[in-house]
Amino acid sequence: MRKFDTRIQDLKYRVLRETARMAWNGTLLEGILEIPDIIVPGKKPTMRCCIYKEKAIVSERVKLAMGGDKSNDNVIEVIEIACDECPVGGYEVTRTCRGCLAHRCADACKFGAITIDEHQKAHIDKSKCKECGACAKVCPYSAIMDYKRPCQQACKIGAITMNEDYSAKIDNDKCISCGACVYQCPFGAINDKSFILDAIDMIKDSNGGTAYKTYAAIAPAIASQFNYAKLGQVITGLKELGFDEVVEVALGADMVTWKETEELKEKGILTSSCCPAFVDYVTKNFPDMLPYVSSTLSPMAMIGKYIKEKDPTAKVIFIGPCTAKKMELKKDTVAPYVDCVLTFEELQALYDSKDIDITSLPETNLDSSSYFGRIFARSGGLAEAVKQGVAEQGANEGFELKPVVCDGIEACKIALLKLRKNMLEGNFMEGMACQGGCISGNGNLTHMAKSRMDVENYGKKSTIDTIEKAIEGA
């Protein structure tokens, strides 16, 4: 059965699985050098120019599976040896140039970068080209193409350039750790660091819950994942892994909704604080807009805080779709409440590292959150939840909620520019870095079109009809 969208995800998963398997067995230190041979058996290359390069790349993947470069604060890293064969030319004139007489491309270029030869064909002088794309827009034959790397196209904030060896280079001062480049790189040369070994150590050191309890805090986007099994079986599988308790982060979302609604009514205008990539984007690009960002913790941190207040010795491991959550974990405001972050990709590797077939397990039901907490996983869900929060709390006299749903970081940028100029047509801005919301997070197993419907159905299965009841029942 196919569990992932791409073969690159599958390769990453297999490295994680074997690393985790050895960690469970206590054989990682002596067996680590065997992993490349397990992933790339035989003597003939199947993916690269030679078997030696393939195994060298797998060795770098193992390092990332073990936590990556400790000197690099970013959780997104480039495997330079794997970065290969991508076009690096930028705008180029292709063979479809007909040598027309209009020469709109040359007229559109303000930098004198385009010349016309004796055959009326256009040529771009790279020393003058500013990569603005004006020539490509006016060419009637679409003969000028932008040969950007997939990672650069995926990164909407311009955090990826090239180093002197033409390998991808990430500017950590710009990067928001959303992971878009990770998912889009067709060579798997960009990866997120894994904390899977930390999670295994926490489970093992708990001694079956006698030393402390380990809590799996699962994000509501899980309803769109593991589509080869039932959600209740996925929950049971977490217990099989050794987690003592499984809790819904959607309950934390209910708590966040209540707090953000109160803050919105008090301040009059607010942006959400749930998406760490969005908050990081504001911090790095719109620092003057930070006062508008809600001071409320994210659902991950909120549920962690709730657990730690009830059980101070608890270890909380968040499991979700988001690579940026791994960066959020490092914040002083979050670190006391969450001990580790895993993606759904890593959860699949954990199951298989212990040979747990979740399809054979009985179902375990979770029902502690409202419909509104669960739909946080999709774009627009947070805005709907705040609307419900306003209705339940009772709006201030004259207060009317006007939500602005920003689906993707480019939409966030436009809304923030409007907010800066007091032109935003709304008073609550839902900022999501990933288009579609958390169901499109780059730590997901799959990004299927029906993911939104899966989350919607998951929300409707809740027996708790209000946000206030979910919080009171906690």
Protein backbone atom coordinates (compact mmCIF):
# COMPACT_ATOMS: atom_id res chain seq x y z
CA MET A 1 0.00 0.00 0.00
CA ARG A 2 1.23 3.51 -0.78
CA LYS A 3 1.44 5.69 2.31
CA PHE A 4 3.10 8.78 0.87
CA ASP A 5 2.65 11.21 -2.01
CA THR A 6 6.19 10.90 -3.34
CA ARG A 7 9.12 8.49 -3.52
CA ILE A 8 11.26 11.11 -1.81
CA GLN A 9 9.00 10.94 1.23
CA ASP A 10 9.27 7.17 1.16
CA LEU A 11 13.07 7.32 1.10
CA LYS A 12 13.09 9.74 4.02
CA TYR A 13 10.66 7.48 5.88
CA ARG A 14 12.80 4.37 5.38
CA VAL A 15 15.83 6.10 6.86
CA LEU A 16 13.76 7.26 9.83
CA ARG A 17 12.28 3.78 10.27
CA GLU A 18 15.63 2.02 10.37
CA THR A 19 17.17 4.65 12.64
CA ALA A 20 14.21 4.32 15.01
CA ARG A 21 14.29 0.52 14.88
CA MET A 22 17.91 0.48 16.07
CA ALA A 23 17.14 3.10 18.72
CA TRP A 24 14.34 0.94 20.17
CA ASN A 25 16.70 -2.05 20.23
CA GLY A 26 19.59 -0.10 21.71
CA THR A 27 21.82 -0.96 18.73
CA LEU A 28 22.00 2.42 17.00
CA LEU A 29 25.59 3.31 17.87
CA GLU A 30 27.02 0.05 16.60
CA GLY A 31 24.57 -0.34 13.73
CA ILE A 32 24.43 3.20 12.34
CA LEU A 33 26.92 2.46 9.57
CA GLU A 34 24.71 -0.38 8.32
CA ILE A 35 21.74 1.85 7.49
CA PRO A 36 23.04 2.96 4.04
CA ASP A 37 23.42 -0.70 3.09
CA ILE A 38 19.89 -1.44 4.29
CA ILE A 39 18.39 1.45 2.32
CA VAL A 40 20.59 0.97 -0.74
CA PRO A 41 21.29 -2.77 -1.00
CA GLY A 42 23.38 -4.27 -3.77
CA LYS A 43 26.16 -2.83 -5.89
CA LYS A 44 24.23 -1.06 -8.64
CA PRO A 45 22.90 2.50 -8.31
CA THR A 46 19.13 2.94 -8.56
CA MET A 47 18.80 6.70 -8.06
CA ARG A 48 22.17 8.40 -8.60
CA CYS A 49 25.24 8.18 -10.78
CA CYS A 50 26.95 5.64 -8.56
CA ILE A 51 26.28 3.48 -5.53
CA TYR A 52 28.85 5.37 -3.48
CA LYS A 53 27.02 8.66 -3.89
CA GLU A 54 23.70 7.04 -3.04
CA LYS A 55 25.08 5.63 0.20
CA ALA A 56 26.83 8.88 1.06
CA ILE A 57 23.53 10.73 0.72
CA VAL A 58 21.75 8.18 2.90
CA SER A 59 24.46 8.71 5.52
CA GLU A 60 23.60 12.43 5.51
CA ARG A 61 19.92 11.54 5.89
CA VAL A 62 20.79 9.43 8.91
CA LYS A 63 22.47 12.46 10.49
CA LEU A 64 19.25 14.44 10.01
CA ALA A 65 17.26 11.55 11.48
CA MET A 66 19.50 11.85 14.52
CA GLY A 67 18.91 15.57 14.95
CA GLY A 68 21.07 17.15 12.26
CA ASP A 69 23.67 19.88 12.56
CA LYS A 70 23.52 21.17 16.13
CA SER A 71 25.32 24.38 15.15
CA ASN A 72 22.51 25.29 12.74
CA ASP A 73 19.53 26.70 14.63
CA ASN A 74 17.18 26.13 11.70
CA VAL A 75 15.31 22.82 11.56
CA ILE A 76 15.46 22.91 7.76
CA GLU A 77 18.79 21.82 6.29
CA VAL A 78 20.28 21.26 2.84
CA ILE A 79 22.02 17.98 2.02
CA GLU A 80 24.54 19.53 -0.36
CA ILE A 81 25.70 16.25 -1.89
CA ALA A 82 22.08 15.46 -2.81
CA CYS A 83 21.43 18.86 -4.42
CA ASP A 84 21.85 17.99 -8.07
CA GLU A 85 21.03 18.71 -11.69
CA CYS A 86 18.53 21.53 -11.15
CA PRO A 87 18.56 24.42 -13.64
CA VAL A 88 20.22 27.52 -12.28
CA GLY A 89 19.95 29.92 -15.21
CA GLY A 90 17.00 32.10 -14.26
CA TYR A 91 15.35 33.71 -17.28
CA GLU A 92 16.50 32.29 -20.61
CA VAL A 93 15.39 32.58 -24.22
CA THR A 94 14.29 29.20 -25.53
CA ARG A 95 14.25 27.75 -29.04
CA THR A 96 10.62 28.82 -29.45
CA CYS A 97 11.81 32.39 -30.05
CA ARG A 98 10.55 33.13 -33.58
CA GLY A 99 12.75 36.13 -34.22
CA CYS A 100 9.75 38.40 -34.50
CA LEU A 101 10.02 42.03 -35.51
CA ALA A 102 8.14 43.46 -32.54
CA HIS A 103 10.95 42.84 -30.05
CA ARG A 104 8.64 43.53 -27.12
CA CYS A 105 11.07 41.72 -24.85
CA ALA A 106 13.84 44.22 -25.55
CA ASP A 107 11.46 47.15 -25.16
CA ALA A 108 10.20 45.82 -21.82
CA CYS A 109 13.69 45.41 -20.34
CA LYS A 110 14.67 48.52 -18.42
CA PHE A 111 18.22 47.31 -17.86
CA GLY A 112 19.41 46.78 -21.41
CA ALA A 113 19.90 43.07 -20.82
CA ILE A 114 18.29 41.92 -24.08
CA THR A 115 19.97 42.17 -27.45
CA ILE A 116 18.77 41.03 -30.86
CA ASP A 117 21.09 39.14 -33.23
CA GLU A 118 21.23 39.23 -37.04
CA HIS A 119 18.49 36.61 -37.18
CA GLN A 120 16.20 38.75 -35.01
CA LYS A 121 16.58 36.27 -32.14
CA ALA A 122 16.67 37.59 -28.57
CA HIS A 123 19.54 36.97 -26.14
CA ILE A 124 19.78 37.80 -22.42
CA ASP A 125 22.98 39.25 -20.94
CA LYS A 126 23.11 37.63 -17.48
CA SER A 127 25.46 40.33 -16.16
CA LYS A 128 22.71 42.91 -16.71
CA CYS A 129 19.57 40.84 -16.09
CA LYS A 130 17.75 41.62 -12.83
CA GLU A 131 15.42 38.60 -13.06
CA CYS A 132 12.36 40.87 -13.03
CA GLY A 133 10.50 38.81 -15.62
CA ALA A 134 9.20 41.77 -17.62
CA CYS A 135 10.46 40.24 -20.88
CA ALA A 136 8.74 36.91 -20.23
CA LYS A 137 5.42 38.63 -19.60
CA VAL A 138 5.32 40.39 -22.96
CA CYS A 139 6.71 37.65 -25.25
CA PRO A 140 3.85 36.60 -27.57
CA TYR A 141 5.33 33.10 -27.96
CA SER A 142 6.12 32.49 -24.26
CA ALA A 143 9.65 31.89 -25.49
CA ILE A 144 11.34 33.25 -22.37
CA MET A 145 11.27 30.85 -19.46
CA ASP A 146 12.21 31.26 -15.81
CA TYR A 147 14.39 28.29 -14.96
CA LYS A 148 14.15 28.51 -11.21
CA ARG A 149 14.80 25.55 -8.99
CA PRO A 150 11.72 23.84 -7.51
CA CYS A 151 12.86 24.82 -4.02
CA GLN A 152 13.13 28.47 -5.03
CA GLN A 153 9.71 28.38 -6.65
CA ALA A 154 8.24 26.78 -3.54
CA CYS A 155 9.78 29.36 -1.21
CA LYS A 156 7.49 32.38 -1.39
CA ILE A 157 9.67 34.51 0.87
CA GLY A 158 12.94 34.33 -1.08
CA ALA A 159 14.93 32.47 1.56
CA ILE A 160 16.68 30.14 -0.90
CA THR A 161 19.67 31.09 -3.04
CA MET A 162 22.74 29.16 -4.24
CA ASN A 163 26.19 28.81 -2.77
CA GLU A 164 29.45 28.88 -4.73
CA ASP A 165 28.99 25.21 -5.67
CA TYR A 166 25.47 25.87 -6.99
CA SER A 167 23.87 23.92 -4.14
CA ALA A 168 20.77 25.37 -2.51
CA LYS A 169 21.48 27.72 0.37
CA ILE A 170 18.94 28.74 3.02
CA ASP A 171 19.01 32.21 4.53
CA ASN A 172 18.04 31.54 8.13
CA ASP A 173 17.27 35.23 8.65
CA LYS A 174 14.44 34.90 6.11
CA CYS A 175 13.40 31.24 6.48
CA ILE A 176 10.18 30.58 8.42
CA SER A 177 10.70 26.79 8.51
CA CYS A 178 7.41 26.11 6.73
CA GLY A 179 8.99 23.21 4.85
CA ALA A 180 7.57 24.05 1.42
CA CYS A 181 11.01 23.49 -0.08
CA VAL A 182 11.30 20.13 1.68
CA TYR A 183 8.16 18.80 0.05
CA GLN A 184 8.88 20.24 -3.41
CA CYS A 185 12.56 19.30 -3.85
CA PRO A 186 12.51 16.43 -6.38
CA PHE A 187 15.90 15.17 -5.20
CA GLY A 188 15.09 15.23 -1.49
CA ALA A 189 18.07 17.53 -0.95
CA ILE A 190 16.28 19.65 1.65
CA ASN A 191 15.02 18.01 4.81
CA ASP A 192 13.76 18.86 8.26
CA LYS A 193 15.71 17.66 11.27
CA SER A 194 14.08 14.86 13.19
CA PHE A 195 13.67 14.56 16.95
CA ILE A 196 12.47 10.98 16.66
CA LEU A 197 15.32 9.73 18.88
CA ASP A 198 14.30 12.17 21.62
CA ALA A 199 10.75 10.84 21.48
CA ILE A 200 11.97 7.23 21.72
CA ASP A 201 14.19 8.08 24.69
CA MET A 202 11.27 9.75 26.49
CA ILE A 203 9.02 6.73 25.97
CA LYS A 204 11.71 4.26 27.02
CA ASP A 205 12.81 6.28 30.06
CA SER A 206 9.23 6.54 31.33
CA ASN A 207 9.46 2.85 32.27
CA GLY A 208 5.91 2.16 31.21
CA GLY A 209 4.59 5.24 32.99
CA THR A 210 6.19 4.51 36.36
CA ALA A 211 8.79 7.30 36.13
CA TYR A 212 6.47 9.76 34.39
CA LYS A 213 3.71 9.69 31.80
CA THR A 214 4.24 10.39 28.14
CA TYR A 215 1.43 12.22 26.35
CA ALA A 216 0.90 12.09 22.60
CA ALA A 217 -0.75 15.39 21.64
CA ILE A 218 -2.19 14.84 18.17
CA ALA A 219 -3.06 17.71 15.85
CA PRO A 220 -6.54 17.71 14.27
CA ALA A 221 -5.00 17.40 10.78
CA ILE A 222 -4.49 13.73 11.65
CA ALA A 223 -8.03 13.16 10.38
CA SER A 224 -6.70 13.68 6.85
CA GLN A 225 -3.79 11.26 7.25
CA PHE A 226 -3.23 7.48 7.58
CA ASN A 227 -6.08 7.01 5.12
CA TYR A 228 -5.30 3.30 4.82
CA ALA A 229 -6.56 2.80 8.40
CA LYS A 230 -9.27 4.13 10.69
CA LEU A 231 -8.54 7.11 12.92
CA GLY A 232 -9.40 5.09 16.02
CA GLN A 233 -6.74 2.54 15.02
CA VAL A 234 -4.16 5.29 14.68
CA ILE A 235 -4.96 6.33 18.27
CA THR A 236 -4.65 2.76 19.54
CA GLY A 237 -1.33 2.53 17.71
CA LEU A 238 0.02 5.38 19.82
CA LYS A 239 -0.68 3.36 22.94
CA GLU A 240 1.06 0.39 21.33
CA LEU A 241 4.12 2.58 20.82
CA GLY A 242 4.26 3.18 24.56
CA PHE A 243 2.44 6.48 25.04
CA ASP A 244 0.52 6.54 28.31
CA GLU A 245 -2.07 9.07 27.20
CA VAL A 246 -3.34 10.45 23.91
CA VAL A 247 -4.91 13.92 23.86
CA GLU A 248 -6.49 16.07 21.16
CA VAL A 249 -4.68 19.29 20.32
CA ALA A 250 -8.11 20.36 19.10
CA LEU A 251 -9.00 20.83 22.78
CA GLY A 252 -6.09 23.28 22.95
CA ALA A 253 -7.59 24.95 19.88
CA ASP A 254 -10.86 25.39 21.75
CA MET A 255 -8.93 27.04 24.58
CA VAL A 256 -7.10 29.27 22.10
CA THR A 257 -10.36 30.31 20.48
CA TRP A 258 -11.77 31.40 23.81
CA LYS A 259 -8.67 33.45 24.69
CA GLU A 260 -8.28 34.98 21.24
CA THR A 261 -11.95 35.95 21.17
CA GLU A 262 -11.54 37.78 24.48
CA GLU A 263 -8.38 39.48 23.23
CA LEU A 264 -10.02 40.48 19.95
CA LYS A 265 -12.96 42.08 21.72
CA GLU A 266 -10.57 43.95 24.00
CA LYS A 267 -8.19 45.22 21.30
CA GLY A 268 -10.63 45.62 18.42
CA ILE A 269 -8.27 44.22 15.78
CA LEU A 270 -6.08 41.11 15.93
CA THR A 271 -4.19 38.52 13.92
CA SER A 272 -4.02 34.86 14.89
CA SER A 273 -0.98 33.32 16.58
CA CYS A 274 -1.63 29.64 15.84
CA CYS A 275 0.66 29.16 12.84
CA PRO A 276 4.32 29.48 13.93
CA ALA A 277 5.51 30.05 10.35
CA PHE A 278 3.09 32.99 10.02
CA VAL A 279 4.20 34.48 13.34
CA ASP A 280 7.85 34.06 12.32
CA TYR A 281 7.08 35.75 9.00
CA VAL A 282 5.56 38.74 10.79
CA THR A 283 8.52 38.88 13.18
CA LYS A 284 11.08 38.93 10.36
CA ASN A 285 9.25 41.00 7.76
CA PHE A 286 6.63 43.09 9.55
CA PRO A 287 8.00 43.70 13.07
CA ASP A 288 5.89 46.85 13.33
CA MET A 289 2.80 44.64 13.03
CA LEU A 290 3.72 42.40 15.99
CA PRO A 291 1.45 44.32 18.40
CA TYR A 292 -1.49 43.06 16.35
CA VAL A 293 -0.46 39.40 16.72
CA SER A 294 -2.42 37.63 19.43
CA SER A 295 -0.51 37.02 22.65
CA THR A 296 -2.36 33.72 23.07
CA LEU A 297 -0.31 30.53 22.89
CA SER A 298 -0.76 28.22 19.91
CA PRO A 299 -3.01 25.14 20.32
CA MET A 300 0.12 22.97 20.67
CA ALA A 301 1.51 25.07 23.50
CA MET A 302 -1.91 25.56 25.08
CA ILE A 303 -2.64 21.83 25.35
CA GLY A 304 0.90 21.28 26.61
CA LYS A 305 0.37 23.89 29.31
CA TYR A 306 -2.93 22.27 30.27
CA ILE A 307 -1.26 18.84 30.57
CA LYS A 308 1.74 20.12 32.54
CA GLU A 309 -0.49 21.96 34.99
CA LYS A 310 -2.36 18.72 35.71
CA ASP A 311 0.77 16.55 35.63
CA PRO A 312 4.02 18.52 36.13
CA THR A 313 6.21 15.46 35.48
CA ALA A 314 4.55 14.71 32.14
CA LYS A 315 6.44 14.55 28.86
CA VAL A 316 4.39 16.06 26.04
CA ILE A 317 5.15 15.00 22.48
CA PHE A 318 3.28 16.95 19.82
CA ILE A 319 2.50 15.02 16.63
CA GLY A 320 1.32 17.01 13.65
CA PRO A 321 1.76 18.11 10.04
CA CYS A 322 4.11 21.02 10.60
CA THR A 323 7.89 21.43 10.34
CA ALA A 324 7.65 24.96 11.75
CA LYS A 325 6.38 23.51 15.03
CA LYS A 326 9.90 22.17 15.54
CA MET A 327 11.12 25.77 15.58
CA GLU A 328 8.25 26.90 17.79
CA LEU A 329 9.39 24.32 20.34
CA LYS A 330 12.56 26.39 20.87
CA LYS A 331 10.66 29.49 22.02
CA ASP A 332 10.94 30.39 25.68
CA THR A 333 7.16 30.73 25.82
CA VAL A 334 6.63 27.20 24.48
CA ALA A 335 9.56 25.09 25.69
CA PRO A 336 8.19 24.67 29.25
CA TYR A 337 5.04 23.03 27.91
CA VAL A 338 6.14 20.81 25.01
CA ASP A 339 9.07 18.39 25.15
CA CYS A 340 9.27 17.11 21.58
CA VAL A 341 7.71 17.60 18.14
CA LEU A 342 7.16 14.89 15.54
CA THR A 343 5.52 14.99 12.12
CA PHE A 344 3.02 12.49 10.77
CA GLU A 345 5.79 11.18 8.50
CA GLU A 346 7.83 10.39 11.60
CA LEU A 347 4.87 8.77 13.33
CA GLN A 348 4.52 6.37 10.40
CA ALA A 349 8.22 5.53 10.75
CA LEU A 350 7.72 4.88 14.48
CA TYR A 351 4.84 2.47 13.85
CA ASP A 352 6.81 0.48 11.32
CA SER A 353 10.02 0.55 13.36
CA LYS A 354 8.16 -1.57 15.91
CA ASP A 355 6.26 -3.56 13.26
CA ILE A 356 2.92 -2.24 14.44
CA ASP A 357 0.20 -2.87 11.86
CA ILE A 358 -2.38 -0.31 12.88
CA THR A 359 -4.97 -1.79 10.51
CA SER A 360 -5.17 -4.86 12.76
CA LEU A 361 -5.79 -2.85 15.95
CA PRO A 362 -9.12 -2.08 17.65
CA GLU A 363 -10.33 1.51 17.61
CA THR A 364 -9.90 3.99 20.46
CA ASN A 365 -12.26 6.96 20.47
CA LEU A 366 -11.27 10.48 21.47
CA ASP A 367 -14.00 13.01 22.09
CA SER A 368 -12.77 15.93 24.16
CA SER A 369 -12.93 18.82 21.69
CA SER A 370 -15.65 20.66 19.82
CA TYR A 371 -16.27 20.78 16.10
CA PHE A 372 -14.70 24.23 16.08
CA GLY A 373 -11.44 23.10 17.66
CA ARG A 374 -11.08 20.30 15.12
CA ILE A 375 -11.59 22.45 12.03
CA PHE A 376 -8.52 24.54 12.93
CA ALA A 377 -6.73 22.10 10.61
CA ARG A 378 -8.18 23.68 7.47
CA SER A 379 -8.06 27.18 6.09
CA GLY A 380 -10.95 29.26 7.42
CA GLY A 381 -11.50 26.99 10.41
CA LEU A 382 -9.94 29.34 12.92
CA ALA A 383 -12.04 32.26 11.68
CA GLU A 384 -15.19 30.13 12.01
CA ALA A 385 -14.17 29.15 15.52
CA VAL A 386 -13.65 32.78 16.57
CA LYS A 387 -17.06 33.62 15.11
CA GLN A 388 -18.51 30.91 17.34
CA GLY A 389 -16.47 32.24 20.28
CA VAL A 390 -17.92 35.71 19.80
CA ALA A 391 -21.42 34.25 19.71
CA GLU A 392 -20.88 32.19 22.86
CA GLN A 393 -19.25 34.96 24.87
CA GLY A 394 -21.66 37.64 23.72
CA ALA A 395 -20.22 40.45 21.65
CA ASN A 396 -19.43 43.83 23.13
CA GLU A 397 -21.95 46.49 22.26
CA GLY A 398 -21.32 47.59 18.68
CA PHE A 399 -18.72 44.85 18.05
CA GLU A 400 -18.97 42.97 14.78
CA LEU A 401 -16.54 40.24 13.75
CA LYS A 402 -15.06 40.76 10.28
CA PRO A 403 -12.65 37.89 9.58
CA VAL A 404 -9.98 37.97 6.88
CA VAL A 405 -8.86 34.46 5.93
CA CYS A 406 -5.30 34.43 4.56
CA ASP A 407 -4.71 31.15 2.76
CA GLY A 408 -0.95 30.87 2.25
CA ILE A 409 1.98 33.15 3.00
CA GLU A 410 1.47 35.29 -0.11
CA ALA A 411 -2.07 36.10 1.00
CA CYS A 412 -0.69 36.86 4.47
CA LYS A 413 1.76 39.34 2.96
CA ILE A 414 -0.99 41.20 1.10
CA ALA A 415 -3.16 41.39 4.22
CA LEU A 416 -0.27 42.59 6.39
CA LEU A 417 0.54 45.35 3.90
CA LYS A 418 -3.09 46.43 4.05
CA LEU A 419 -3.06 46.27 7.84
CA ARG A 420 0.05 48.44 7.92
CA LYS A 421 -1.76 51.08 5.84
CA ASN A 422 -5.03 50.75 7.79
CA MET A 423 -6.70 49.37 4.67
CA LEU A 424 -7.53 45.87 5.91
CA GLU A 425 -11.23 45.21 5.44
CA GLY A 426 -11.65 43.24 8.61
CA ASN A 427 -10.72 43.07 12.28
CA PHE A 428 -9.52 39.47 12.67
CA MET A 429 -6.84 38.08 10.40
CA GLU A 430 -6.37 34.32 10.18
CA GLY A 431 -2.79 33.78 9.04
CA MET A 432 -1.81 30.37 7.62
CA ALA A 433 1.54 29.86 5.89
CA CYS A 434 0.45 26.69 4.06
CA GLN A 435 -2.24 26.99 1.41
CA GLY A 436 -5.22 25.01 2.60
CA GLY A 437 -4.09 25.24 6.22
CA CYS A 438 -2.50 22.50 8.32
CA ILE A 439 -3.92 19.80 6.04
CA SER A 440 -1.24 20.97 3.59
CA GLY A 441 1.55 20.96 6.16
CA ASN A 442 4.83 19.66 4.82
CA GLY A 443 5.18 16.98 7.50
CA ASN A 444 2.08 15.20 6.24
CA LEU A 445 2.07 11.76 4.67
CA THR A 446 -0.24 12.96 1.95
CA HIS A 447 -1.77 16.15 0.58
CA MET A 448 -4.93 14.76 -0.94
CA ALA A 449 -7.71 16.91 -2.33
CA LYS A 450 -10.23 15.33 0.04
CA SER A 451 -8.22 16.27 3.15
CA ARG A 452 -10.46 19.25 3.85
CA MET A 453 -13.53 17.00 3.77
CA ASP A 454 -11.84 14.49 6.09
CA VAL A 455 -11.22 17.20 8.69
CA GLU A 456 -14.75 18.52 8.29
CA ASN A 457 -16.19 15.05 8.91
CA TYR A 458 -13.89 14.59 11.91
CA GLY A 459 -15.23 17.83 13.35
CA LYS A 460 -18.83 16.77 12.86
CA LYS A 461 -18.23 13.56 14.82
CA SER A 462 -17.65 15.55 18.01
CA THR A 463 -20.43 15.16 20.54
CA ILE A 464 -19.53 18.50 22.16
CA ASP A 465 -21.56 21.23 20.52
CA THR A 466 -19.94 24.36 21.99
CA ILE A 467 -16.44 25.62 22.68
CA GLU A 468 -17.33 26.48 26.27
CA LYS A 469 -18.52 22.91 26.98
CA ALA A 470 -15.26 21.49 25.63
CA ILE A 471 -13.23 23.73 27.93
CA GLU A 472 -15.45 23.07 30.95
CA GLY A 473 -15.21 19.31 30.38
CA ALA A 474 -11.41 19.34 30.30
